[in-house]
Amino acid sequence: MAGSAAVLLACGAAALMAMPSPRGEVSFKDVGFSIADATHASVDFQVTKDPEDSASCAVQVLSSSYAVVGWKQVTIGPSEEATTGHRLDIRTDSLGVTGGVNACWLLDD
């Protein structure tokens, strides 16, 4: 019984998160990354949103064992264009092998 309730609750939460935002949506695209050394990496990405909206994105660098070795959150403010390009420098705990955006979400006004 408790398992069924947990499954229903999880499905409801997933459906709520999948619903489009009434203000609009935000999407992202990884463009590239570079690993300078064991303590620094850069991630290039694009964010598409309504130009007047602000969004926040979580960007991460992963090791060869898929562990997060660097993570940074960045705010993307209003702009003139719907799609904007960004480069984020991230400090890492150890050598990364890949980097990209984990998630982006719209910020409340």
Protein backbone atom coordinates (compact mmCIF):
# COMPACT_ATOMS: atom_id res chain seq x y z
CA MET A 1 0.00 0.00 0.00
CA ALA A 2 2.75 2.47 0.93
CA GLY A 3 4.65 1.52 -2.23
CA SER A 4 1.61 2.30 -4.39
CA ALA A 5 1.16 5.67 -2.70
CA ALA A 6 4.82 6.50 -3.25
CA VAL A 7 4.56 5.59 -6.95
CA LEU A 8 1.44 7.76 -7.36
CA LEU A 9 3.11 10.65 -5.57
CA ALA A 10 6.21 10.34 -7.75
CA CYS A 11 4.10 10.24 -10.93
CA GLY A 12 2.18 13.33 -9.81
CA ALA A 13 5.41 15.21 -9.08
CA ALA A 14 6.85 14.22 -12.46
CA ALA A 15 3.70 15.39 -14.25
CA LEU A 16 3.80 18.71 -12.40
CA MET A 17 7.44 19.31 -13.37
CA ALA A 18 6.72 18.38 -17.00
CA MET A 19 3.99 21.00 -17.34
CA PRO A 20 5.13 24.06 -19.28
CA SER A 21 5.66 27.22 -17.32
CA PRO A 22 2.97 29.85 -17.90
CA ARG A 23 5.71 32.47 -18.33
CA GLY A 24 7.62 30.49 -20.92
CA GLU A 25 10.31 27.90 -21.08
CA VAL A 26 14.06 27.73 -20.92
CA SER A 27 16.27 25.32 -22.84
CA PHE A 28 20.01 24.85 -23.13
CA LYS A 29 22.51 23.33 -25.51
CA ASP A 30 26.06 22.27 -24.68
CA VAL A 31 28.46 23.72 -27.23
CA GLY A 32 31.85 22.59 -25.94
CA PHE A 33 34.27 22.37 -23.05
CA SER A 34 37.97 22.59 -22.38
CA ILE A 35 39.98 21.10 -19.55
CA ALA A 36 42.94 23.36 -18.73
CA ASP A 37 44.37 21.20 -15.94
CA ALA A 38 43.30 19.28 -12.81
CA THR A 39 41.95 22.46 -11.20
CA HIS A 40 40.31 24.41 -14.06
CA ALA A 41 37.79 23.78 -16.83
CA SER A 42 35.60 25.90 -19.11
CA VAL A 43 32.14 25.04 -20.43
CA ASP A 44 30.54 26.72 -23.45
CA PHE A 45 26.75 26.58 -23.77
CA GLN A 46 23.72 28.35 -25.17
CA VAL A 47 20.53 29.26 -23.33
CA THR A 48 17.22 29.96 -25.08
CA LYS A 49 14.45 31.76 -23.18
CA ASP A 50 12.14 34.72 -23.50
CA PRO A 51 14.48 37.74 -23.71
CA GLU A 52 12.85 39.48 -20.72
CA ASP A 53 13.15 36.43 -18.44
CA SER A 54 16.01 35.51 -16.12
CA ALA A 55 17.19 31.94 -15.70
CA SER A 56 19.67 30.06 -13.58
CA CYS A 57 21.79 27.19 -14.86
CA ALA A 58 23.80 24.53 -13.03
CA VAL A 59 26.96 23.63 -14.94
CA GLN A 60 29.18 20.69 -14.02
CA VAL A 61 32.48 19.03 -14.85
CA LEU A 62 32.72 15.24 -14.60
CA SER A 63 35.66 12.87 -14.08
CA SER A 64 36.27 9.69 -16.06
CA SER A 65 34.23 7.80 -13.42
CA TYR A 66 31.29 10.25 -13.90
CA ALA A 67 31.87 11.88 -10.51
CA VAL A 68 31.18 15.61 -10.29
CA VAL A 69 34.57 17.28 -9.79
CA GLY A 70 33.38 20.85 -10.42
CA TRP A 71 30.03 22.62 -10.24
CA LYS A 72 28.86 26.20 -10.57
CA GLN A 73 25.51 27.95 -10.80
CA VAL A 74 25.15 31.01 -13.04
CA THR A 75 22.31 33.50 -13.55
CA ILE A 76 21.41 34.46 -17.11
CA GLY A 77 19.61 37.80 -17.01
CA PRO A 78 17.40 39.56 -19.55
CA SER A 79 18.92 40.13 -22.97
CA GLU A 80 18.05 41.44 -26.42
CA GLU A 81 18.16 37.97 -28.01
CA ALA A 82 16.25 34.80 -27.16
CA THR A 83 19.38 32.63 -27.53
CA THR A 84 22.61 33.71 -25.88
CA GLY A 85 26.03 32.06 -25.70
CA HIS A 86 28.03 31.72 -22.50
CA ARG A 87 31.43 30.49 -21.32
CA LEU A 88 31.76 29.55 -17.67
CA ASP A 89 35.09 28.91 -15.97
CA ILE A 90 34.84 26.29 -13.22
CA ARG A 91 37.34 25.30 -10.54
CA THR A 92 37.68 21.53 -10.17
CA ASP A 93 38.78 19.21 -7.37
CA SER A 94 40.54 16.82 -9.75
CA LEU A 95 40.98 16.25 -13.48
CA GLY A 96 37.75 16.46 -15.42
CA VAL A 97 37.11 14.79 -18.76
CA THR A 98 33.83 16.42 -19.80
CA GLY A 99 31.64 19.36 -18.90
CA GLY A 100 28.15 20.60 -19.61
CA VAL A 101 24.91 22.05 -18.32
CA ASN A 102 23.07 19.85 -15.85
CA ALA A 103 19.85 21.93 -15.73
CA CYS A 104 18.39 25.41 -16.29
CA TRP A 105 15.25 26.91 -14.78
CA LEU A 106 13.42 30.22 -14.91
CA LEU A 107 13.75 32.56 -11.95
CA ASP A 108 10.78 34.29 -10.35
CA ASP A 109 10.60 38.04 -10.88
